[in-house]
Protein backbone atom coordinates (compact mmCIF):
# COMPACT_ATOMS: atom_id res chain seq x y z
CA UNK A 1 -25.89 2.74 21.40
CA UNK A 2 -26.60 4.95 18.31
CA UNK A 3 -23.54 5.15 16.54
CA UNK A 4 -22.67 9.01 15.26
CA UNK A 5 -23.02 10.03 11.83
CA UNK A 6 -19.66 9.28 11.23
CA UNK A 7 -19.50 6.01 12.37
CA UNK A 8 -22.74 4.74 10.72
CA UNK A 9 -21.56 6.20 7.56
CA UNK A 10 -17.93 4.82 7.47
CA UNK A 11 -20.28 1.40 8.22
CA UNK A 12 -22.39 2.13 5.32
CA UNK A 13 -19.40 2.95 3.05
CA UNK A 14 -17.95 -0.39 4.17
CA UNK A 15 -20.92 -2.39 2.94
CA UNK A 16 -20.97 -0.70 0.18
CA UNK A 17 -17.30 -1.20 -0.65
CA UNK A 18 -17.31 -4.71 0.41
CA UNK A 19 -19.46 -5.85 -2.16
CA UNK A 20 -17.66 -4.41 -5.18
CA UNK A 21 -14.85 -7.14 -4.25
CA UNK A 22 -14.65 -10.70 -4.02
CA UNK A 23 -14.06 -10.50 -0.14
CA UNK A 24 -12.14 -13.51 1.46
CA UNK A 25 -11.83 -14.57 4.75
CA UNK A 26 -9.47 -13.01 7.01
CA UNK A 27 -6.07 -13.42 4.96
CA UNK A 28 -4.80 -16.41 6.76
CA UNK A 29 -2.59 -17.28 3.33
CA UNK A 30 -0.68 -14.27 4.49
CA UNK A 31 0.74 -15.41 7.80
CA UNK A 32 4.10 -16.00 6.21
CA UNK A 33 4.17 -12.30 5.72
CA UNK A 34 7.92 -10.99 6.89
CA UNK A 35 7.56 -9.58 10.50
CA UNK A 36 8.74 -6.53 9.27
CA UNK A 37 7.72 -5.99 5.80
CA UNK A 38 9.20 -2.92 3.68
CA UNK A 39 6.47 -1.30 1.62
CA UNK A 40 6.25 1.89 -0.80
CA UNK A 41 8.34 3.16 -4.09
CA UNK A 42 11.78 4.24 -4.66
CA UNK A 43 12.33 7.12 -2.09
CA UNK A 44 9.67 6.47 -0.09
CA UNK A 45 10.33 3.20 1.33
CA UNK A 46 9.41 2.18 4.88
CA UNK A 47 10.03 -0.68 7.08
CA UNK A 48 6.63 -1.56 9.04
CA UNK A 49 7.21 -1.87 12.72
CA UNK A 50 3.42 -2.62 13.85
CA UNK A 51 3.10 -2.39 17.91
CA UNK A 52 5.90 -0.14 17.98
CA UNK A 53 5.22 0.95 21.46
CA UNK A 54 4.31 -1.05 24.54
CA UNK A 55 2.11 0.37 27.80
CA UNK A 56 3.25 -0.61 31.46
CA UNK A 57 0.74 -2.94 32.55
CA UNK A 58 -1.50 -0.75 34.80
CA UNK A 59 -2.63 0.95 31.63
CA UNK A 60 -4.72 -0.06 28.60
CA UNK A 61 -5.18 1.35 25.22
CA UNK A 62 -8.73 2.33 24.67
CA UNK A 63 -9.23 3.18 20.75
CA UNK A 64 -6.03 4.93 19.86
CA UNK A 65 -6.62 8.05 17.60
CA UNK A 66 -3.77 10.99 17.23
CA UNK A 67 0.01 11.09 17.44
CA UNK A 68 2.21 14.02 17.31
CA UNK A 69 6.08 14.45 17.74
CA UNK A 70 8.07 16.89 19.92
CA UNK A 71 11.25 18.45 18.84
CA UNK A 72 12.88 15.90 21.56
CA UNK A 73 11.35 12.95 18.73
CA UNK A 74 9.19 11.97 21.68
CA UNK A 75 6.37 10.35 20.58
CA UNK A 76 2.77 11.26 21.96
CA UNK A 77 -0.73 9.22 21.46
CA UNK A 78 -3.96 9.70 22.76
CA UNK A 79 -6.78 7.48 22.68
CA UNK A 80 -10.50 8.04 23.17
CA UNK A 81 -10.81 6.59 26.22
CA UNK A 82 -14.05 5.55 28.02
CA UNK A 83 -16.11 8.01 30.07
CA UNK A 84 -16.04 5.58 33.39
CA UNK A 85 -12.45 5.71 33.57
CA UNK A 86 -11.69 9.36 34.67
CA UNK A 87 -8.85 8.28 36.57
CA UNK A 88 -6.70 6.30 33.86
CA UNK A 89 -4.74 8.81 31.52
CA UNK A 90 -5.62 9.10 27.87
CA UNK A 91 -2.35 10.70 27.03
CA UNK A 92 0.83 8.23 26.91
CA UNK A 93 4.42 9.26 25.56
CA UNK A 94 7.39 7.34 24.41
CA UNK A 95 11.14 8.43 23.72
CA UNK A 96 12.52 7.81 20.57
CA UNK A 97 13.21 4.33 20.98
CA UNK A 98 9.58 3.65 21.97
CA UNK A 99 10.22 3.59 25.69
CA UNK A 100 7.47 5.11 27.98
CA UNK A 101 8.11 8.04 29.52
CA UNK A 102 4.88 9.23 31.17
CA UNK A 103 1.06 9.30 31.13
CA UNK A 104 -1.49 12.21 31.68
CA UNK A 105 -4.69 13.70 30.57
CA UNK A 106 -7.39 11.70 32.31
CA UNK A 107 -9.65 14.52 31.76
CA UNK A 108 -9.89 13.77 28.35
CA UNK A 109 -11.10 10.23 29.08
CA UNK A 110 -14.13 9.12 26.63
CA UNK A 111 -13.59 11.67 24.05
CA UNK A 112 -9.87 12.08 23.54
CA UNK A 113 -9.34 12.98 19.74
CA UNK A 114 -7.08 15.26 17.70
CA UNK A 115 -3.25 15.90 19.10
CA UNK A 116 -0.51 18.25 17.93
CA UNK A 117 2.68 19.74 19.41
CA UNK A 118 3.03 23.29 18.63
CA UNK A 119 6.35 25.19 19.08
CA UNK A 120 6.04 28.95 20.66
CA UNK A 121 9.72 30.07 20.70
CA UNK A 122 11.89 27.80 22.78
CA UNK A 123 8.78 26.29 24.45
CA UNK A 124 6.66 23.55 23.11
CA UNK A 125 2.94 22.74 23.71
CA UNK A 126 0.32 19.81 23.63
CA UNK A 127 -2.85 21.19 22.00
CA UNK A 128 -5.72 18.63 22.41
CA UNK A 129 -9.29 18.40 21.13
CA UNK A 130 -11.81 16.32 22.23
CA UNK A 131 -15.43 15.59 21.16
CA UNK A 132 -17.91 12.91 22.70
CA UNK A 133 -18.80 13.44 26.26
CA UNK A 134 -15.90 15.95 26.70
CA UNK A 135 -16.31 18.29 24.01
CA UNK A 136 -13.59 20.60 24.86
CA UNK A 137 -10.27 22.09 23.29
CA UNK A 138 -7.21 22.75 25.22
CA UNK A 139 -3.55 23.84 25.52
CA UNK A 140 -1.09 21.99 27.69
CA UNK A 141 2.83 21.64 28.46
CA UNK A 142 4.76 18.85 27.60
CA UNK A 143 4.02 16.93 30.97
CA UNK A 144 0.28 17.53 31.09
CA UNK A 145 -0.04 20.62 32.83
CA UNK A 146 -3.35 22.52 31.32
CA UNK A 147 -2.41 26.18 30.34
CA UNK A 148 -5.76 27.01 29.07
CA UNK A 149 -9.25 25.23 28.31
CA UNK A 150 -12.11 26.30 26.20
CA UNK A 151 -15.49 24.88 25.20
CA UNK A 152 -17.72 26.08 21.94
CA UNK A 153 -17.31 29.35 20.41
CA UNK A 154 -20.82 30.71 21.54
CA UNK A 155 -19.98 33.62 19.41
CA UNK A 156 -19.97 32.06 16.32
CA UNK A 157 -24.52 31.97 17.14
CA UNK A 158 -24.00 28.40 15.80
CA UNK A 159 -24.34 26.42 19.31
CA UNK A 160 -27.28 26.38 21.77
CA UNK A 161 -27.10 28.10 25.18
CA UNK A 162 -25.23 25.71 27.58
CA UNK A 163 -23.15 24.30 25.27
CA UNK A 164 -19.93 25.98 26.12
CA UNK A 165 -20.59 25.03 29.72
CA UNK A 166 -22.79 21.94 29.92
CA UNK A 167 -22.09 20.01 26.96
CA UNK A 168 -25.24 17.44 26.26
CA UNK A 169 -24.33 13.78 25.04
CA UNK A 170 -25.53 14.34 21.42
CA UNK A 171 -24.64 14.81 18.14
CA UNK A 172 -25.65 16.86 15.66
CA UNK A 173 -24.79 19.90 13.67
CA UNK A 174 -25.83 22.19 16.79
CA UNK A 175 -23.15 20.18 18.75
CA UNK A 176 -19.63 21.24 19.54
CA UNK A 177 -17.59 18.16 18.48
CA UNK A 178 -14.22 19.34 17.83
CA UNK A 179 -11.22 16.81 16.16
CA UNK A 180 -8.25 18.49 15.62
CA UNK A 181 -6.07 21.87 14.68
CA UNK A 182 -4.08 23.63 11.96
CA UNK A 183 -1.74 26.83 12.92
CA UNK A 184 -0.59 29.87 11.47
CA UNK A 185 2.93 31.72 11.87
CA UNK A 186 1.18 34.20 13.87
CA UNK A 187 0.24 32.54 16.56
CA UNK A 188 -3.40 31.85 15.55
CA UNK A 189 -4.80 28.94 14.62
CA UNK A 190 -7.76 26.66 13.42
CA UNK A 191 -10.14 24.48 15.04
CA UNK A 192 -12.34 21.75 12.54
CA UNK A 193 -15.82 20.74 14.15
CA UNK A 194 -15.60 18.00 12.41
CA UNK A 195 -18.06 16.05 14.14
CA UNK A 196 -20.52 18.89 15.09
CA UNK A 197 -21.51 22.20 12.56
CA UNK A 198 -18.90 20.73 10.08
CA UNK A 199 -17.56 24.33 10.08
CA UNK A 200 -13.35 25.22 10.87
CA UNK A 201 -13.36 27.81 13.14
CA UNK A 202 -10.23 30.71 13.02
CA UNK A 203 -8.83 32.05 16.05
CA UNK A 204 -6.32 34.65 16.89
CA UNK A 205 -3.14 34.30 18.85
CA UNK A 206 -4.83 35.12 22.43
CA UNK A 207 -7.09 32.15 21.55
CA UNK A 208 -10.15 34.49 20.69
CA UNK A 209 -12.72 33.37 18.05
CA UNK A 210 -12.32 35.47 14.98
CA UNK A 211 -14.32 33.71 11.97
CA UNK A 212 -15.50 30.43 10.69
CA UNK A 213 -15.93 28.83 7.39
CA UNK A 214 -17.68 25.87 5.91
CA UNK A 215 -20.91 24.05 6.87
CA UNK A 216 -22.69 21.00 5.69
CA UNK A 217 -22.69 20.05 2.02
CA UNK A 218 -21.15 18.36 -0.80
CA UNK A 219 -20.62 21.67 -3.24
CA UNK A 220 -16.99 23.07 -3.14
CA UNK A 221 -16.38 24.71 0.30
CA UNK A 222 -18.74 22.39 2.11
CA UNK A 223 -18.09 19.40 3.78
CA UNK A 224 -19.46 16.20 5.15
CA UNK A 225 -16.80 15.37 8.44
CA UNK A 226 -14.32 17.92 8.17
CA UNK A 227 -12.19 15.56 10.45
CA UNK A 228 -8.55 16.66 9.84
CA UNK A 229 -6.76 19.89 8.87
CA UNK A 230 -3.21 21.72 8.69
CA UNK A 231 -1.32 24.46 7.42
CA UNK A 232 0.26 23.42 3.77
CA UNK A 233 3.17 25.36 3.53
CA UNK A 234 5.05 22.96 1.46
CA UNK A 235 8.12 24.88 -0.59
CA UNK A 236 6.95 26.84 -3.27
CA UNK A 237 3.49 26.92 -2.56
CA UNK A 238 1.67 30.04 -1.24
CA UNK A 239 0.59 28.79 2.24
CA UNK A 240 -3.17 27.59 2.64
CA UNK A 241 -5.49 25.38 4.82
CA UNK A 242 -5.80 22.26 3.79
CA UNK A 243 -8.89 20.11 5.20
CA UNK A 244 -9.76 16.51 5.04
CA UNK A 245 -13.37 16.44 3.80
CA UNK A 246 -13.87 12.73 4.78
CA UNK A 247 -17.26 11.23 4.07
CA UNK A 248 -17.40 13.62 1.07
CA UNK A 249 -14.09 11.59 0.04
CA UNK A 250 -11.83 14.21 -0.89
CA UNK A 251 -9.42 17.08 0.26
CA UNK A 252 -10.02 20.78 -0.13
CA UNK A 253 -7.52 23.96 0.20
CA UNK A 254 -8.70 27.39 1.42
CA UNK A 255 -6.81 30.45 1.94
CA UNK A 256 -6.45 31.69 5.29
CA UNK A 257 -9.67 33.73 4.88
CA UNK A 258 -11.57 30.59 4.34
CA UNK A 259 -12.16 31.23 0.18
CA UNK A 260 -12.12 27.74 -1.49
CA UNK A 261 -9.20 27.13 -3.52
CA UNK A 262 -9.17 23.91 -4.90
CA UNK A 263 -10.76 20.35 -4.46
CA UNK A 264 -9.04 16.98 -4.84
CA UNK A 265 -10.97 13.78 -5.32
CA UNK A 266 -9.80 10.04 -5.06
CA UNK A 267 -9.60 9.21 -1.55
CA UNK A 268 -11.98 7.04 0.41
CA UNK A 269 -12.25 8.40 4.16
CA UNK A 270 -9.37 10.61 4.48
CA UNK A 271 -8.74 11.28 7.93
CA UNK A 272 -5.77 13.85 8.40
CA UNK A 273 -2.92 15.28 7.40
CA UNK A 274 0.87 16.18 7.87
CA UNK A 275 3.60 17.33 5.84
CA UNK A 276 7.34 17.03 5.52
CA UNK A 277 9.38 18.68 2.63
CA UNK A 278 7.57 18.45 -0.45
CA UNK A 279 5.48 15.30 0.79
CA UNK A 280 1.70 15.48 2.22
CA UNK A 281 0.28 12.48 4.44
CA UNK A 282 -2.80 11.47 4.43
CA UNK A 283 -4.16 8.72 6.58
CA UNK A 284 -6.89 7.00 4.82
CA UNK A 285 -9.51 5.58 7.46
CA UNK A 286 -9.96 2.55 4.94
CA UNK A 287 -6.94 0.59 5.00
CA UNK A 288 -3.96 3.16 3.69
CA UNK A 289 -1.99 5.58 3.52
CA UNK A 290 -1.26 8.11 0.91
CA UNK A 291 1.51 10.29 0.05
CA UNK A 292 1.31 13.06 -2.30
CA UNK A 293 4.06 15.09 -3.85
CA UNK A 294 4.56 18.53 -4.47
CA UNK A 295 2.18 18.89 -7.37
CA UNK A 296 -0.64 16.86 -5.40
CA UNK A 297 -0.08 13.78 -7.52
CA UNK A 298 -0.20 10.74 -5.48
CA UNK A 299 3.14 9.00 -4.95
CA UNK A 300 2.12 5.99 -3.40
CA UNK A 301 -0.79 4.42 -1.40
CA UNK A 302 1.26 2.61 1.48
CA UNK A 303 -0.47 -0.71 2.50
CA UNK A 304 -3.06 -0.79 -0.34
CA UNK A 305 -4.74 -3.77 -1.39
CA UNK A 306 -8.38 -4.12 -2.66
CA UNK A 307 -8.39 -7.70 -1.14
CA UNK A 308 -7.35 -7.16 2.06
CA UNK A 309 -9.82 -4.03 2.31
CA UNK A 310 -12.60 -6.37 1.21
CA UNK A 311 -11.44 -8.55 4.04
CA UNK A 312 -11.52 -5.74 6.88
CA UNK A 313 -14.72 -4.07 5.60
CA UNK A 314 -16.15 -7.50 5.74
CA UNK A 315 -15.34 -8.39 9.27
CA UNK A 316 -15.19 -4.68 10.54
CA UNK A 317 -16.09 -4.87 13.87
CA UNK A 318 -14.75 -8.33 14.28
CA UNK A 319 -11.21 -7.18 13.71
CA UNK A 320 -11.38 -3.79 15.41
CA UNK A 321 -12.65 -5.43 18.71
CA UNK A 322 -10.41 -8.34 18.09
CA UNK A 323 -7.17 -8.77 20.93
CA UNK A 324 -4.45 -7.13 19.63
CA UNK A 325 -2.92 -8.54 16.24
CA UNK A 326 -6.07 -11.55 15.93
CA UNK A 327 -6.32 -11.87 12.25
CA UNK A 328 -4.38 -8.35 11.16
CA UNK A 329 -1.63 -8.90 8.89
CA UNK A 330 1.59 -7.59 8.90
CA UNK A 331 2.29 -4.80 6.61
CA UNK A 332 -1.50 -4.06 6.24
CA UNK A 333 -3.39 -1.35 7.94
CA UNK A 334 -7.17 -1.65 9.04
CA UNK A 335 -7.82 2.13 9.88
CA UNK A 336 -5.66 4.58 10.20
CA UNK A 337 -7.07 7.50 12.22
CA UNK A 338 -4.23 10.09 11.96
CA UNK A 339 -0.17 9.59 11.07
CA UNK A 340 2.19 11.98 11.34
CA UNK A 341 6.19 12.51 10.42
CA UNK A 342 9.32 12.76 12.73
CA UNK A 343 12.33 14.91 11.66
CA UNK A 344 13.82 12.00 9.84
CA UNK A 345 11.24 11.56 7.64
CA UNK A 346 9.80 8.23 9.59
CA UNK A 347 5.73 8.13 10.07
CA UNK A 348 4.08 7.32 12.98
CA UNK A 349 0.52 5.87 12.58
CA UNK A 350 -2.35 5.43 15.20
CA UNK A 351 -5.40 3.36 14.14
CA UNK A 352 -8.80 3.45 14.97
CA UNK A 353 -8.99 0.05 16.87
CA UNK A 354 -10.34 -0.82 20.26
CA UNK A 355 -7.46 -2.77 21.41
CA UNK A 356 -5.07 0.15 19.94
CA UNK A 357 -2.32 0.15 17.63
CA UNK A 358 0.91 2.33 16.93
CA UNK A 359 2.69 1.65 13.99
CA UNK A 360 6.13 2.84 12.97
CA UNK A 361 7.17 3.49 9.50
CA UNK A 362 10.79 3.64 9.45
CA UNK A 363 12.16 5.29 6.10
CA UNK A 364 14.79 2.56 4.48
CA UNK A 365 15.16 4.64 0.84
């Protein structure tokens, strides 16, 4: 099957990066690594607990994508799923101790991607962005009932006729391939068309399309796979919209109206964003997780190890498709696709691997 642009770009990047290192075989010398190593720096140290949650035998992981935590500290996980498994859920829920609670969301099989929890007064809702064959975004209750579901915003004049009713199985700049959300205090929200038009769509609190910004390119204000997005309202900052411009290897910040404010380089394949206090969390699809401080300087790269990254890139398809844990190293990451904080400052990581991987980074100092 022809790989989509973002996947092809990833593998090309992998080949280039691997050549830059003396790539060892999978790191068998590190098999003595403690089961739960501690990584990070003072003030940001975490115990690494891989495979923190387990599914009941009747369910299977099918490439984990995104994670979110509700007010009760329950963890929600979405996987991409496969189109031929329409009776299999794509969203799994676990309590704060990692115990399985429930599963739902079979309608997103074959395209499960973005996942967020948003509070509206006393209620909370799940927001899902689905790409590939599904090409939709939806608002659900915490138990999986659909509040509403929408498709391509035809008012934008970006998409061909029928994209909002009969989504074709294709990729391209005129396809609608939503990836993630950011939310405004007034109830409005932004939707990143990260694999399609490379635009950021803005909606009002009623779910009506308002405007858009971005487009394909390398200049400031343009994107190459605007994959992750969040409202950056950390203390002392004027709230802005932060975007992971993944294949351009950078972050960009914008006003709510879409005016470019700032670009920050120095990433590899930044995939998503979350905040906790002064810290901005950036899972990077290339084997590490970055923490930025209040001035957007790097606090630490969790899991950073050039030799391990070279090994991952060299044997990328083998490691991605391996039985869970085969050839993986404790305390290291393969492909962090999403990560989020809980209320206590712990971090949950979902990785883009076929057999699924959810890691808890328990904050210890």
